[in-house]
Amino acid sequence: MARSVDFLGDIHPRYHEWNFNVYVKRMWEMPSKNNPMVMTHVELIMQDSKGYRLHAVLPRSLLKRWGGVLGEFKMFNMRSFTVVENKPRSRTTETNYHLTFFNRMIN
């Protein structure tokens, strides 16, 4: 039996079995503050089929694993990750949470 798909608008940190079908709306690299030639991470805006959007962060340590897979306007099934509270900084989406990539996040 296929597992039901969740929506980004329902996200909260107390649940750990999320299953999203999303596409990458925007993707950009963030340079280091000390050395603008070195990238520290990649940031993404993801959107689901209902139009909900969520900010995600791909650390440099995982870029080799996921960098070639991710791309703007590509669809992904994402599951098994932890939701993180969006600390006060420039917000790119209206939600109070964002995702940080881990090793086993995308199918």
N, C-alpha and C. Protein backbone atom coordinates (compact mmCIF):
# COMPACT_ATOMS: atom_id res chain seq x y z
N MET A 1 0.84 -1.19 0.00
CA MET A 1 0.00 0.00 0.00
C MET A 1 0.89 1.25 0.00
N ALA A 2 0.59 2.18 -0.86
CA ALA A 2 1.38 3.41 -0.98
C ALA A 2 1.14 4.31 0.22
N ARG A 3 2.18 4.96 0.65
CA ARG A 3 2.09 5.88 1.78
C ARG A 3 1.51 7.21 1.32
N SER A 4 0.67 7.81 2.15
CA SER A 4 0.06 9.09 1.77
C SER A 4 1.11 10.19 1.71
N VAL A 5 0.82 11.20 0.93
CA VAL A 5 1.74 12.33 0.74
C VAL A 5 1.29 13.47 1.63
N ASP A 6 2.25 14.09 2.34
CA ASP A 6 1.98 15.25 3.19
C ASP A 6 2.19 16.53 2.40
N PHE A 7 1.72 17.64 2.97
CA PHE A 7 1.87 18.94 2.33
C PHE A 7 2.71 19.86 3.20
N LEU A 8 3.48 20.72 2.58
CA LEU A 8 4.38 21.62 3.29
C LEU A 8 3.65 22.54 4.26
N GLY A 9 2.40 22.86 4.00
CA GLY A 9 1.63 23.72 4.88
C GLY A 9 1.30 23.08 6.22
N ASP A 10 1.42 21.76 6.33
CA ASP A 10 1.11 21.04 7.56
C ASP A 10 2.33 20.78 8.44
N ILE A 11 3.48 21.25 8.03
CA ILE A 11 4.74 20.89 8.69
C ILE A 11 4.83 21.44 10.11
N HIS A 12 5.40 20.62 11.01
CA HIS A 12 5.72 21.01 12.38
C HIS A 12 6.81 20.08 12.90
N PRO A 13 7.56 20.48 13.93
CA PRO A 13 8.72 19.71 14.37
C PRO A 13 8.40 18.47 15.21
N ARG A 14 7.18 18.28 15.65
CA ARG A 14 6.87 17.14 16.52
C ARG A 14 6.65 15.83 15.77
N TYR A 15 6.53 15.88 14.46
CA TYR A 15 6.29 14.69 13.65
C TYR A 15 7.54 14.39 12.84
N HIS A 16 7.90 13.10 12.72
CA HIS A 16 9.16 12.75 12.07
C HIS A 16 9.01 11.83 10.88
N GLU A 17 7.82 11.60 10.40
CA GLU A 17 7.60 10.68 9.29
C GLU A 17 7.01 11.40 8.08
N TRP A 18 7.55 12.52 7.71
CA TRP A 18 7.03 13.31 6.59
C TRP A 18 7.30 12.61 5.26
N ASN A 19 6.42 12.82 4.31
CA ASN A 19 6.57 12.30 2.95
C ASN A 19 6.07 13.37 1.99
N PHE A 20 6.98 14.12 1.38
CA PHE A 20 6.62 15.24 0.50
C PHE A 20 6.94 14.94 -0.95
N ASN A 21 6.08 15.36 -1.84
CA ASN A 21 6.38 15.45 -3.27
C ASN A 21 6.51 16.94 -3.55
N VAL A 22 7.72 17.39 -3.83
CA VAL A 22 7.98 18.83 -4.01
C VAL A 22 8.84 19.05 -5.24
N TYR A 23 8.82 20.28 -5.72
CA TYR A 23 9.80 20.65 -6.74
C TYR A 23 10.56 21.88 -6.27
N VAL A 24 11.77 22.00 -6.76
CA VAL A 24 12.64 23.11 -6.37
C VAL A 24 12.26 24.32 -7.20
N LYS A 25 11.73 25.32 -6.54
CA LYS A 25 11.30 26.55 -7.21
C LYS A 25 12.50 27.47 -7.48
N ARG A 26 13.37 27.62 -6.47
CA ARG A 26 14.57 28.45 -6.60
C ARG A 26 15.71 27.76 -5.88
N MET A 27 16.94 28.02 -6.34
CA MET A 27 18.12 27.42 -5.73
C MET A 27 19.29 28.38 -5.91
N TRP A 28 20.03 28.66 -4.83
CA TRP A 28 21.16 29.57 -4.94
C TRP A 28 22.26 29.19 -3.93
N GLU A 29 23.49 29.58 -4.23
CA GLU A 29 24.65 29.31 -3.39
C GLU A 29 24.89 30.48 -2.44
N MET A 30 25.32 30.15 -1.22
CA MET A 30 25.64 31.17 -0.23
C MET A 30 27.15 31.16 0.04
N PRO A 31 27.84 32.29 -0.21
CA PRO A 31 29.29 32.35 0.01
C PRO A 31 29.62 32.53 1.49
N SER A 32 30.85 32.21 1.83
CA SER A 32 31.35 32.41 3.18
C SER A 32 31.49 33.91 3.45
N LYS A 33 31.27 34.31 4.69
CA LYS A 33 31.43 35.73 5.04
C LYS A 33 32.90 36.13 5.01
N ASN A 34 33.78 35.19 5.35
CA ASN A 34 35.21 35.49 5.40
C ASN A 34 35.89 35.39 4.04
N ASN A 35 35.38 34.52 3.18
CA ASN A 35 35.98 34.32 1.86
C ASN A 35 34.85 34.12 0.84
N PRO A 36 34.48 35.16 0.11
CA PRO A 36 33.35 35.06 -0.83
C PRO A 36 33.57 34.07 -1.97
N MET A 37 34.81 33.57 -2.13
CA MET A 37 35.08 32.59 -3.17
C MET A 37 34.72 31.16 -2.72
N VAL A 38 34.46 30.99 -1.41
CA VAL A 38 34.13 29.67 -0.86
C VAL A 38 32.64 29.62 -0.53
N MET A 39 31.96 28.59 -1.04
CA MET A 39 30.54 28.43 -0.77
C MET A 39 30.34 27.66 0.54
N THR A 40 29.45 28.15 1.40
CA THR A 40 29.19 27.47 2.67
C THR A 40 28.00 26.51 2.58
N HIS A 41 26.99 26.86 1.78
CA HIS A 41 25.82 26.00 1.63
C HIS A 41 24.98 26.46 0.44
N VAL A 42 24.00 25.64 0.09
CA VAL A 42 23.05 25.97 -0.96
C VAL A 42 21.68 26.12 -0.30
N GLU A 43 20.93 27.14 -0.68
CA GLU A 43 19.58 27.33 -0.16
C GLU A 43 18.58 27.09 -1.28
N LEU A 44 17.41 26.55 -0.89
CA LEU A 44 16.38 26.20 -1.86
C LEU A 44 15.02 26.66 -1.38
N ILE A 45 14.16 26.96 -2.31
CA ILE A 45 12.74 27.15 -2.02
C ILE A 45 12.02 26.00 -2.71
N MET A 46 11.28 25.21 -1.92
CA MET A 46 10.55 24.07 -2.46
C MET A 46 9.05 24.38 -2.43
N GLN A 47 8.31 23.81 -3.36
CA GLN A 47 6.87 24.03 -3.44
C GLN A 47 6.17 22.70 -3.68
N ASP A 48 5.02 22.50 -3.01
CA ASP A 48 4.26 21.27 -3.22
C ASP A 48 3.09 21.54 -4.18
N SER A 49 2.26 20.52 -4.40
CA SER A 49 1.18 20.63 -5.38
C SER A 49 0.07 21.60 -4.95
N LYS A 50 -0.02 21.92 -3.67
CA LYS A 50 -1.01 22.90 -3.19
C LYS A 50 -0.48 24.33 -3.21
N GLY A 51 0.78 24.50 -3.58
CA GLY A 51 1.37 25.83 -3.66
C GLY A 51 2.08 26.27 -2.40
N TYR A 52 2.12 25.42 -1.35
CA TYR A 52 2.86 25.76 -0.15
C TYR A 52 4.36 25.74 -0.45
N ARG A 53 5.08 26.69 0.13
CA ARG A 53 6.52 26.79 -0.09
C ARG A 53 7.27 26.65 1.23
N LEU A 54 8.48 26.11 1.15
CA LEU A 54 9.31 25.91 2.33
C LEU A 54 10.77 26.13 1.96
N HIS A 55 11.52 26.73 2.87
CA HIS A 55 12.94 27.01 2.69
C HIS A 55 13.72 25.78 3.15
N ALA A 56 14.76 25.41 2.41
CA ALA A 56 15.62 24.29 2.79
C ALA A 56 17.08 24.69 2.62
N VAL A 57 17.95 24.05 3.41
CA VAL A 57 19.38 24.34 3.39
C VAL A 57 20.15 23.05 3.13
N LEU A 58 21.05 23.09 2.16
CA LEU A 58 21.93 21.96 1.84
C LEU A 58 23.34 22.35 2.24
N PRO A 59 23.88 21.79 3.37
CA PRO A 59 25.24 22.14 3.79
C PRO A 59 26.29 21.70 2.78
N ARG A 60 27.42 22.38 2.79
CA ARG A 60 28.50 22.07 1.87
C ARG A 60 28.97 20.63 2.00
N SER A 61 28.92 20.08 3.21
CA SER A 61 29.37 18.70 3.43
C SER A 61 28.54 17.67 2.66
N LEU A 62 27.31 18.02 2.30
CA LEU A 62 26.44 17.10 1.55
C LEU A 62 26.30 17.48 0.08
N LEU A 63 27.00 18.51 -0.33
CA LEU A 63 26.86 18.99 -1.70
C LEU A 63 27.29 17.95 -2.73
N LYS A 64 28.35 17.21 -2.46
CA LYS A 64 28.78 16.18 -3.41
C LYS A 64 27.71 15.11 -3.60
N ARG A 65 27.04 14.76 -2.50
CA ARG A 65 26.01 13.72 -2.56
C ARG A 65 24.74 14.18 -3.28
N TRP A 66 24.26 15.39 -2.96
CA TRP A 66 22.97 15.85 -3.49
C TRP A 66 23.07 16.95 -4.54
N GLY A 67 24.23 17.60 -4.68
CA GLY A 67 24.36 18.71 -5.61
C GLY A 67 24.02 18.37 -7.04
N GLY A 68 24.43 17.22 -7.52
CA GLY A 68 24.14 16.82 -8.89
C GLY A 68 22.71 16.36 -9.10
N VAL A 69 22.02 16.00 -8.02
CA VAL A 69 20.64 15.51 -8.10
C VAL A 69 19.65 16.67 -8.10
N LEU A 70 19.93 17.66 -7.26
CA LEU A 70 19.02 18.80 -7.12
C LEU A 70 19.18 19.79 -8.26
N GLY A 71 18.09 20.44 -8.60
CA GLY A 71 18.12 21.48 -9.61
C GLY A 71 16.80 22.20 -9.65
N GLU A 72 16.82 23.43 -10.13
CA GLU A 72 15.57 24.18 -10.21
C GLU A 72 14.58 23.50 -11.14
N PHE A 73 13.33 23.51 -10.72
CA PHE A 73 12.19 22.96 -11.47
C PHE A 73 12.24 21.45 -11.64
N LYS A 74 12.94 20.75 -10.73
CA LYS A 74 12.93 19.30 -10.71
C LYS A 74 12.03 18.82 -9.57
N MET A 75 11.31 17.72 -9.78
CA MET A 75 10.41 17.15 -8.78
C MET A 75 11.13 16.08 -7.97
N PHE A 76 10.86 16.04 -6.64
CA PHE A 76 11.47 15.08 -5.75
C PHE A 76 10.46 14.55 -4.76
N ASN A 77 10.68 13.32 -4.28
CA ASN A 77 9.96 12.78 -3.14
C ASN A 77 10.94 12.85 -1.97
N MET A 78 10.57 13.57 -0.93
CA MET A 78 11.44 13.75 0.23
C MET A 78 10.77 13.15 1.45
N ARG A 79 11.55 12.40 2.26
CA ARG A 79 10.99 11.80 3.47
C ARG A 79 12.07 11.56 4.51
N SER A 80 11.63 11.26 5.72
CA SER A 80 12.51 10.90 6.84
C SER A 80 13.54 11.97 7.16
N PHE A 81 13.08 13.10 7.64
CA PHE A 81 13.99 14.17 8.06
C PHE A 81 13.37 14.92 9.23
N THR A 82 14.14 15.75 9.86
CA THR A 82 13.69 16.53 11.00
C THR A 82 13.44 17.97 10.57
N VAL A 83 12.38 18.55 11.07
CA VAL A 83 12.02 19.94 10.78
C VAL A 83 12.70 20.83 11.81
N VAL A 84 13.24 21.97 11.37
CA VAL A 84 13.97 22.89 12.23
C VAL A 84 13.23 24.22 12.28
N GLU A 85 13.20 24.84 13.47
CA GLU A 85 12.57 26.15 13.59
C GLU A 85 13.37 27.18 12.81
N ASN A 86 12.68 28.05 12.10
CA ASN A 86 13.32 29.09 11.31
C ASN A 86 13.72 30.24 12.23
N LYS A 87 15.00 30.31 12.55
CA LYS A 87 15.51 31.37 13.43
C LYS A 87 15.33 32.73 12.76
N PRO A 88 15.23 33.79 13.56
CA PRO A 88 15.07 35.12 12.96
C PRO A 88 16.22 35.46 12.01
N ARG A 89 15.92 35.53 10.77
CA ARG A 89 16.84 35.95 9.71
C ARG A 89 15.96 36.35 8.54
N SER A 90 16.54 36.68 7.45
CA SER A 90 15.70 37.07 6.32
C SER A 90 14.88 35.86 5.88
N ARG A 91 13.58 35.97 5.95
CA ARG A 91 12.70 34.86 5.60
C ARG A 91 12.38 34.88 4.12
N THR A 92 12.43 33.70 3.54
CA THR A 92 12.09 33.57 2.13
C THR A 92 10.72 32.95 1.94
N THR A 93 10.16 32.39 3.02
CA THR A 93 8.80 31.83 2.99
C THR A 93 8.06 32.28 4.23
N GLU A 94 6.76 32.06 4.27
CA GLU A 94 5.94 32.51 5.39
C GLU A 94 5.92 31.54 6.57
N THR A 95 6.48 30.35 6.43
CA THR A 95 6.43 29.35 7.49
C THR A 95 7.41 29.66 8.62
N ASN A 96 7.17 29.04 9.76
CA ASN A 96 8.04 29.21 10.92
C ASN A 96 9.14 28.15 10.96
N TYR A 97 9.22 27.30 9.94
CA TYR A 97 10.17 26.20 9.93
C TYR A 97 10.92 26.14 8.61
N HIS A 98 12.05 25.42 8.62
CA HIS A 98 12.77 25.12 7.38
C HIS A 98 13.38 23.73 7.52
N LEU A 99 13.87 23.18 6.44
CA LEU A 99 14.47 21.86 6.43
C LEU A 99 15.97 21.97 6.23
N THR A 100 16.70 21.08 6.89
CA THR A 100 18.12 20.96 6.64
C THR A 100 18.36 19.57 6.11
N PHE A 101 19.07 19.44 5.01
CA PHE A 101 19.29 18.16 4.36
C PHE A 101 20.16 17.26 5.25
N PHE A 102 19.86 15.97 5.18
CA PHE A 102 20.64 14.93 5.83
C PHE A 102 20.99 13.88 4.78
N ASN A 103 21.73 12.87 5.14
CA ASN A 103 22.19 11.87 4.18
C ASN A 103 21.06 11.11 3.48
N ARG A 104 20.00 10.76 4.16
CA ARG A 104 18.96 9.92 3.58
C ARG A 104 17.66 10.71 3.45
N MET A 105 17.60 11.65 2.55
CA MET A 105 16.44 12.53 2.47
C MET A 105 15.67 12.45 1.18
N ILE A 106 16.29 12.13 0.07
CA ILE A 106 15.62 12.19 -1.24
C ILE A 106 15.61 10.82 -1.88
N ASN A 107 14.51 10.51 -2.55
CA ASN A 107 14.43 9.30 -3.39
C ASN A 107 14.47 9.70 -4.82
